[in-house]
Amino acid sequence: MSESPTPHPAGVPGPGRTGLVPAPDPEAAIGTPEEAASKAPSRGQIWLHRLLVLLFVFVCAAAGVLLVVLPWTPQWTDNTLLLRYPELRTIMTHGFFRGLCSGLGLLDIWIGFSEAVHYHEDKLP
């Protein structure tokens, strides 16, 4: 009696199989040149994407500069919210907390400018 081969689970190579999935044909995904041209973004979509990236960079830079500078000014400690809650004032005036806020501000600035530097129009959504 011949024994039938047992099926292997997905991802486990069987006899005579390499376990690699063949790469999809790039020309089959695009289709005809007319279909590729119809899927291209319009000028309005391109400009909207540019404006959104510019707005994102501006918001990140502004929030980052605010977080870097504000913890070291008198407005950080002498405000009405902290005068009402002395426990919160103790935490917010601690040097570690101020440094943490400034570090988050630097990270925010870095994220914004990184997004601006790595902007490519050929990868539009």
N, C-alpha and C. Protein backbone atom coordinates (compact mmCIF):
# COMPACT_ATOMS: atom_id res chain seq x y z
N MET A 1 0.81 -1.17 0.00
CA MET A 1 0.00 0.00 0.00
C MET A 1 0.86 1.25 0.00
N SER A 2 0.50 2.19 -0.82
CA SER A 2 1.27 3.43 -0.83
C SER A 2 0.67 4.40 0.19
N GLU A 3 1.55 5.08 0.80
CA GLU A 3 1.12 6.02 1.82
C GLU A 3 1.03 7.41 1.20
N SER A 4 -0.10 8.10 1.42
CA SER A 4 -0.25 9.45 0.84
C SER A 4 0.52 10.45 1.70
N PRO A 5 1.11 11.45 1.05
CA PRO A 5 1.87 12.43 1.82
C PRO A 5 0.95 13.22 2.74
N THR A 6 1.42 13.48 3.93
CA THR A 6 0.62 14.25 4.88
C THR A 6 0.83 15.73 4.61
N PRO A 7 -0.23 16.48 4.68
CA PRO A 7 -0.09 17.92 4.44
C PRO A 7 0.70 18.57 5.58
N HIS A 8 1.48 19.57 5.22
CA HIS A 8 2.27 20.29 6.20
C HIS A 8 1.59 21.60 6.54
N PRO A 9 1.76 22.05 7.79
CA PRO A 9 1.16 23.35 8.14
C PRO A 9 1.77 24.48 7.31
N ALA A 10 1.04 25.54 7.25
CA ALA A 10 1.52 26.70 6.48
C ALA A 10 2.83 27.20 7.05
N GLY A 11 3.77 27.47 6.17
CA GLY A 11 5.05 27.99 6.59
C GLY A 11 6.09 26.92 6.87
N VAL A 12 5.67 25.66 6.95
CA VAL A 12 6.61 24.57 7.20
C VAL A 12 6.86 23.86 5.88
N PRO A 13 8.10 23.85 5.42
CA PRO A 13 8.36 23.23 4.12
C PRO A 13 8.25 21.71 4.21
N GLY A 14 7.66 21.15 3.19
CA GLY A 14 7.56 19.70 3.09
C GLY A 14 8.63 19.18 2.17
N PRO A 15 8.60 17.90 1.87
CA PRO A 15 9.59 17.35 0.95
C PRO A 15 9.46 17.99 -0.43
N GLY A 16 10.57 18.47 -0.95
CA GLY A 16 10.57 19.06 -2.28
C GLY A 16 10.12 20.51 -2.31
N ARG A 17 9.83 21.10 -1.15
CA ARG A 17 9.40 22.50 -1.09
C ARG A 17 10.46 23.31 -0.36
N THR A 18 10.66 24.51 -0.80
CA THR A 18 11.68 25.36 -0.16
C THR A 18 11.11 26.17 0.98
N GLY A 19 9.81 26.32 1.07
CA GLY A 19 9.21 27.11 2.12
C GLY A 19 9.12 28.59 1.79
N LEU A 20 9.66 28.99 0.65
CA LEU A 20 9.60 30.38 0.24
C LEU A 20 8.37 30.62 -0.62
N VAL A 21 7.73 31.72 -0.38
CA VAL A 21 6.56 32.08 -1.18
C VAL A 21 7.05 32.85 -2.38
N PRO A 22 6.60 32.50 -3.60
CA PRO A 22 7.07 33.24 -4.77
C PRO A 22 6.63 34.69 -4.71
N ALA A 23 7.51 35.56 -5.18
CA ALA A 23 7.22 37.00 -5.18
C ALA A 23 6.14 37.30 -6.21
N PRO A 24 5.23 38.23 -5.89
CA PRO A 24 4.20 38.58 -6.87
C PRO A 24 4.82 39.30 -8.06
N ASP A 25 4.20 39.14 -9.18
CA ASP A 25 4.65 39.78 -10.41
C ASP A 25 4.33 41.27 -10.33
N PRO A 26 5.35 42.15 -10.38
CA PRO A 26 5.07 43.58 -10.24
C PRO A 26 4.22 44.14 -11.37
N GLU A 27 4.33 43.60 -12.57
CA GLU A 27 3.54 44.12 -13.68
C GLU A 27 2.08 43.71 -13.55
N ALA A 28 1.81 42.58 -12.90
CA ALA A 28 0.43 42.15 -12.73
C ALA A 28 -0.28 43.03 -11.72
N ALA A 29 0.44 43.56 -10.74
CA ALA A 29 -0.18 44.42 -9.73
C ALA A 29 -0.56 45.78 -10.30
N ILE A 30 0.23 46.30 -11.21
CA ILE A 30 -0.02 47.63 -11.77
C ILE A 30 -1.10 47.56 -12.84
N GLY A 31 -1.07 46.54 -13.64
CA GLY A 31 -2.03 46.44 -14.72
C GLY A 31 -1.55 47.22 -15.92
N THR A 32 -2.49 47.80 -16.65
CA THR A 32 -2.16 48.56 -17.84
C THR A 32 -1.70 49.96 -17.45
N PRO A 33 -0.98 50.64 -18.33
CA PRO A 33 -0.56 52.01 -18.03
C PRO A 33 -1.74 52.96 -17.78
N GLU A 34 -2.88 52.70 -18.42
CA GLU A 34 -4.05 53.54 -18.19
C GLU A 34 -4.56 53.39 -16.77
N GLU A 35 -4.54 52.16 -16.23
CA GLU A 35 -4.98 51.94 -14.86
C GLU A 35 -4.02 52.60 -13.87
N ALA A 36 -2.73 52.54 -14.16
CA ALA A 36 -1.74 53.16 -13.28
C ALA A 36 -1.90 54.67 -13.28
N ALA A 37 -2.19 55.26 -14.44
CA ALA A 37 -2.37 56.70 -14.52
C ALA A 37 -3.64 57.14 -13.81
N SER A 38 -4.69 56.31 -13.85
CA SER A 38 -5.94 56.69 -13.19
C SER A 38 -5.81 56.62 -11.67
N LYS A 39 -4.86 55.84 -11.14
CA LYS A 39 -4.67 55.73 -9.69
C LYS A 39 -3.71 56.79 -9.17
N ALA A 40 -3.10 57.56 -10.05
CA ALA A 40 -2.17 58.61 -9.62
C ALA A 40 -2.95 59.71 -8.90
N PRO A 41 -2.35 60.30 -7.85
CA PRO A 41 -3.07 61.35 -7.12
C PRO A 41 -3.20 62.61 -7.96
N SER A 42 -4.27 63.34 -7.71
CA SER A 42 -4.50 64.58 -8.45
C SER A 42 -3.62 65.69 -7.87
N ARG A 43 -3.58 66.83 -8.56
CA ARG A 43 -2.78 67.96 -8.08
C ARG A 43 -3.30 68.46 -6.74
N GLY A 44 -4.62 68.43 -6.57
CA GLY A 44 -5.21 68.86 -5.31
C GLY A 44 -4.79 67.97 -4.16
N GLN A 45 -4.76 66.65 -4.40
CA GLN A 45 -4.33 65.72 -3.36
C GLN A 45 -2.85 65.91 -3.02
N ILE A 46 -2.04 66.19 -4.02
CA ILE A 46 -0.61 66.41 -3.79
C ILE A 46 -0.40 67.65 -2.94
N TRP A 47 -1.10 68.75 -3.27
CA TRP A 47 -0.94 69.98 -2.50
C TRP A 47 -1.52 69.84 -1.10
N LEU A 48 -2.62 69.10 -0.96
CA LEU A 48 -3.17 68.86 0.37
C LEU A 48 -2.18 68.07 1.23
N HIS A 49 -1.54 67.08 0.64
CA HIS A 49 -0.54 66.30 1.37
C HIS A 49 0.65 67.18 1.76
N ARG A 50 1.08 68.04 0.86
CA ARG A 50 2.19 68.96 1.17
C ARG A 50 1.83 69.88 2.33
N LEU A 51 0.61 70.42 2.30
CA LEU A 51 0.19 71.31 3.38
C LEU A 51 0.07 70.58 4.71
N LEU A 52 -0.41 69.35 4.68
CA LEU A 52 -0.52 68.58 5.92
C LEU A 52 0.86 68.26 6.49
N VAL A 53 1.81 67.94 5.65
CA VAL A 53 3.18 67.70 6.13
C VAL A 53 3.77 68.98 6.70
N LEU A 54 3.56 70.10 6.02
CA LEU A 54 4.05 71.39 6.51
C LEU A 54 3.41 71.74 7.86
N LEU A 55 2.12 71.52 7.99
CA LEU A 55 1.43 71.78 9.25
C LEU A 55 1.96 70.88 10.36
N PHE A 56 2.18 69.61 10.05
CA PHE A 56 2.71 68.68 11.04
C PHE A 56 4.09 69.12 11.51
N VAL A 57 4.95 69.52 10.59
CA VAL A 57 6.29 69.96 10.94
C VAL A 57 6.21 71.23 11.80
N PHE A 58 5.34 72.16 11.43
CA PHE A 58 5.21 73.40 12.20
C PHE A 58 4.70 73.12 13.61
N VAL A 59 3.69 72.27 13.76
CA VAL A 59 3.14 71.96 15.08
C VAL A 59 4.18 71.24 15.94
N CYS A 60 4.90 70.30 15.34
CA CYS A 60 5.94 69.60 16.10
C CYS A 60 7.05 70.55 16.54
N ALA A 61 7.47 71.44 15.66
CA ALA A 61 8.53 72.38 16.00
C ALA A 61 8.07 73.36 17.08
N ALA A 62 6.87 73.88 16.95
CA ALA A 62 6.37 74.85 17.93
C ALA A 62 6.17 74.20 19.30
N ALA A 63 5.56 73.03 19.32
CA ALA A 63 5.36 72.34 20.60
C ALA A 63 6.70 71.93 21.21
N GLY A 64 7.64 71.54 20.38
CA GLY A 64 8.95 71.15 20.88
C GLY A 64 9.70 72.32 21.49
N VAL A 65 9.69 73.46 20.82
CA VAL A 65 10.37 74.64 21.36
C VAL A 65 9.70 75.08 22.67
N LEU A 66 8.38 75.01 22.70
CA LEU A 66 7.66 75.36 23.92
C LEU A 66 8.03 74.43 25.07
N LEU A 67 8.13 73.13 24.80
CA LEU A 67 8.49 72.18 25.84
C LEU A 67 9.95 72.29 26.26
N VAL A 68 10.80 72.75 25.39
CA VAL A 68 12.21 72.90 25.75
C VAL A 68 12.41 74.14 26.62
N VAL A 69 11.75 75.24 26.28
CA VAL A 69 12.00 76.52 26.95
C VAL A 69 11.11 76.73 28.18
N LEU A 70 9.84 76.41 28.09
CA LEU A 70 8.88 76.75 29.14
C LEU A 70 9.20 76.20 30.52
N PRO A 71 9.68 74.96 30.69
CA PRO A 71 9.94 74.48 32.06
C PRO A 71 10.99 75.28 32.82
N TRP A 72 11.78 76.06 32.15
CA TRP A 72 12.85 76.80 32.82
C TRP A 72 12.52 78.27 33.02
N THR A 73 11.27 78.67 32.77
CA THR A 73 10.84 80.05 32.96
C THR A 73 10.01 80.17 34.23
N PRO A 74 9.85 81.38 34.76
CA PRO A 74 9.03 81.54 35.97
C PRO A 74 7.55 81.21 35.75
N GLN A 75 7.05 81.31 34.53
CA GLN A 75 5.65 80.96 34.26
C GLN A 75 5.36 79.49 34.56
N TRP A 76 6.37 78.65 34.53
CA TRP A 76 6.19 77.22 34.79
C TRP A 76 5.82 76.98 36.25
N THR A 77 6.42 77.73 37.16
CA THR A 77 6.19 77.49 38.59
C THR A 77 5.22 78.48 39.22
N ASP A 78 5.10 79.67 38.70
CA ASP A 78 4.26 80.71 39.30
C ASP A 78 2.96 80.87 38.53
N ASN A 79 2.13 79.84 38.53
CA ASN A 79 0.83 79.95 37.88
C ASN A 79 -0.26 79.53 38.87
N THR A 80 -1.49 79.87 38.57
CA THR A 80 -2.58 79.66 39.53
C THR A 80 -2.87 78.19 39.78
N LEU A 81 -2.67 77.33 38.79
CA LEU A 81 -2.91 75.91 38.98
C LEU A 81 -1.97 75.33 40.03
N LEU A 82 -0.70 75.70 39.95
CA LEU A 82 0.26 75.15 40.89
C LEU A 82 0.15 75.80 42.27
N LEU A 83 -0.38 77.01 42.35
CA LEU A 83 -0.59 77.62 43.66
C LEU A 83 -1.72 76.95 44.42
N ARG A 84 -2.68 76.39 43.70
CA ARG A 84 -3.80 75.67 44.34
C ARG A 84 -3.40 74.27 44.78
N TYR A 85 -2.46 73.65 44.08
CA TYR A 85 -2.06 72.27 44.39
C TYR A 85 -0.57 72.24 44.70
N PRO A 86 -0.20 72.37 45.97
CA PRO A 86 1.23 72.41 46.33
C PRO A 86 1.95 71.08 46.05
N GLU A 87 1.26 69.95 46.11
CA GLU A 87 1.91 68.66 45.81
C GLU A 87 2.33 68.61 44.35
N LEU A 88 1.46 69.10 43.48
CA LEU A 88 1.79 69.14 42.05
C LEU A 88 2.92 70.11 41.78
N ARG A 89 2.96 71.20 42.53
CA ARG A 89 4.04 72.18 42.35
C ARG A 89 5.38 71.58 42.73
N THR A 90 5.39 70.76 43.77
CA THR A 90 6.64 70.10 44.18
C THR A 90 7.17 69.20 43.07
N ILE A 91 6.27 68.48 42.42
CA ILE A 91 6.69 67.57 41.34
C ILE A 91 7.16 68.37 40.12
N MET A 92 6.40 69.39 39.76
CA MET A 92 6.70 70.12 38.52
C MET A 92 7.92 71.04 38.64
N THR A 93 8.31 71.39 39.85
CA THR A 93 9.50 72.22 40.00
C THR A 93 10.77 71.39 40.19
N HIS A 94 10.61 70.09 40.26
CA HIS A 94 11.78 69.22 40.39
C HIS A 94 12.58 69.24 39.09
N GLY A 95 13.90 69.26 39.20
CA GLY A 95 14.77 69.34 38.03
C GLY A 95 14.61 68.17 37.08
N PHE A 96 14.35 66.96 37.63
CA PHE A 96 14.17 65.80 36.77
C PHE A 96 12.95 65.97 35.88
N PHE A 97 11.84 66.46 36.44
CA PHE A 97 10.62 66.63 35.66
C PHE A 97 10.81 67.70 34.59
N ARG A 98 11.50 68.78 34.95
CA ARG A 98 11.77 69.84 33.96
C ARG A 98 12.65 69.30 32.83
N GLY A 99 13.66 68.52 33.18
CA GLY A 99 14.52 67.93 32.16
C GLY A 99 13.78 66.93 31.29
N LEU A 100 12.85 66.19 31.89
CA LEU A 100 12.03 65.24 31.13
C LEU A 100 11.18 65.98 30.11
N CYS A 101 10.57 67.08 30.52
CA CYS A 101 9.76 67.88 29.59
C CYS A 101 10.62 68.46 28.46
N SER A 102 11.81 68.92 28.81
CA SER A 102 12.70 69.47 27.77
C SER A 102 13.17 68.37 26.82
N GLY A 103 13.42 67.20 27.35
CA GLY A 103 13.81 66.08 26.49
C GLY A 103 12.70 65.68 25.54
N LEU A 104 11.46 65.68 26.03
CA LEU A 104 10.32 65.40 25.14
C LEU A 104 10.18 66.48 24.07
N GLY A 105 10.50 67.72 24.44
CA GLY A 105 10.46 68.80 23.45
C GLY A 105 11.50 68.60 22.36
N LEU A 106 12.71 68.20 22.75
CA LEU A 106 13.75 67.92 21.76
C LEU A 106 13.35 66.76 20.85
N LEU A 107 12.75 65.74 21.45
CA LEU A 107 12.27 64.60 20.65
C LEU A 107 11.19 65.05 19.67
N ASP A 108 10.32 65.92 20.10
CA ASP A 108 9.25 66.43 19.24
C ASP A 108 9.82 67.24 18.07
N ILE A 109 10.82 68.07 18.35
CA ILE A 109 11.48 68.83 17.28
C ILE A 109 12.14 67.88 16.30
N TRP A 110 12.80 66.86 16.80
CA TRP A 110 13.49 65.89 15.94
C TRP A 110 12.49 65.14 15.06
N ILE A 111 11.35 64.75 15.62
CA ILE A 111 10.34 64.03 14.83
C ILE A 111 9.82 64.93 13.71
N GLY A 112 9.54 66.19 14.00
CA GLY A 112 9.03 67.11 12.98
C GLY A 112 10.00 67.33 11.84
N PHE A 113 11.24 67.60 12.18
CA PHE A 113 12.21 67.86 11.12
C PHE A 113 12.60 66.57 10.38
N SER A 114 12.56 65.45 11.06
CA SER A 114 12.81 64.18 10.38
C SER A 114 11.72 63.91 9.34
N GLU A 115 10.50 64.23 9.70
CA GLU A 115 9.39 64.07 8.74
C GLU A 115 9.57 64.98 7.54
N ALA A 116 10.06 66.19 7.78
CA ALA A 116 10.27 67.13 6.67
C ALA A 116 11.40 66.67 5.77
N VAL A 117 12.47 66.15 6.34
CA VAL A 117 13.63 65.73 5.55
C VAL A 117 13.31 64.48 4.74
N HIS A 118 12.50 63.59 5.28
CA HIS A 118 12.20 62.33 4.60
C HIS A 118 10.91 62.37 3.77
N TYR A 119 10.43 63.56 3.47
CA TYR A 119 9.21 63.69 2.67
C TYR A 119 9.51 63.36 1.22
N HIS A 120 8.72 62.46 0.64
CA HIS A 120 8.85 62.09 -0.77
C HIS A 120 7.45 62.08 -1.39
N GLU A 121 7.34 62.72 -2.52
CA GLU A 121 6.05 62.75 -3.19
C GLU A 121 5.74 61.48 -3.96
N ASP A 122 6.73 60.65 -4.20
CA ASP A 122 6.46 59.42 -4.93
C ASP A 122 5.81 58.38 -4.05
N LYS A 123 5.74 58.61 -2.73
CA LYS A 123 5.13 57.66 -1.80
C LYS A 123 3.83 58.22 -1.22
N LEU A 124 3.07 58.95 -1.99
CA LEU A 124 1.83 59.51 -1.49
C LEU A 124 0.81 58.42 -1.24
N PRO A 125 -0.04 58.62 -0.22
CA PRO A 125 -1.07 57.60 0.07
C PRO A 125 -2.13 57.52 -0.99
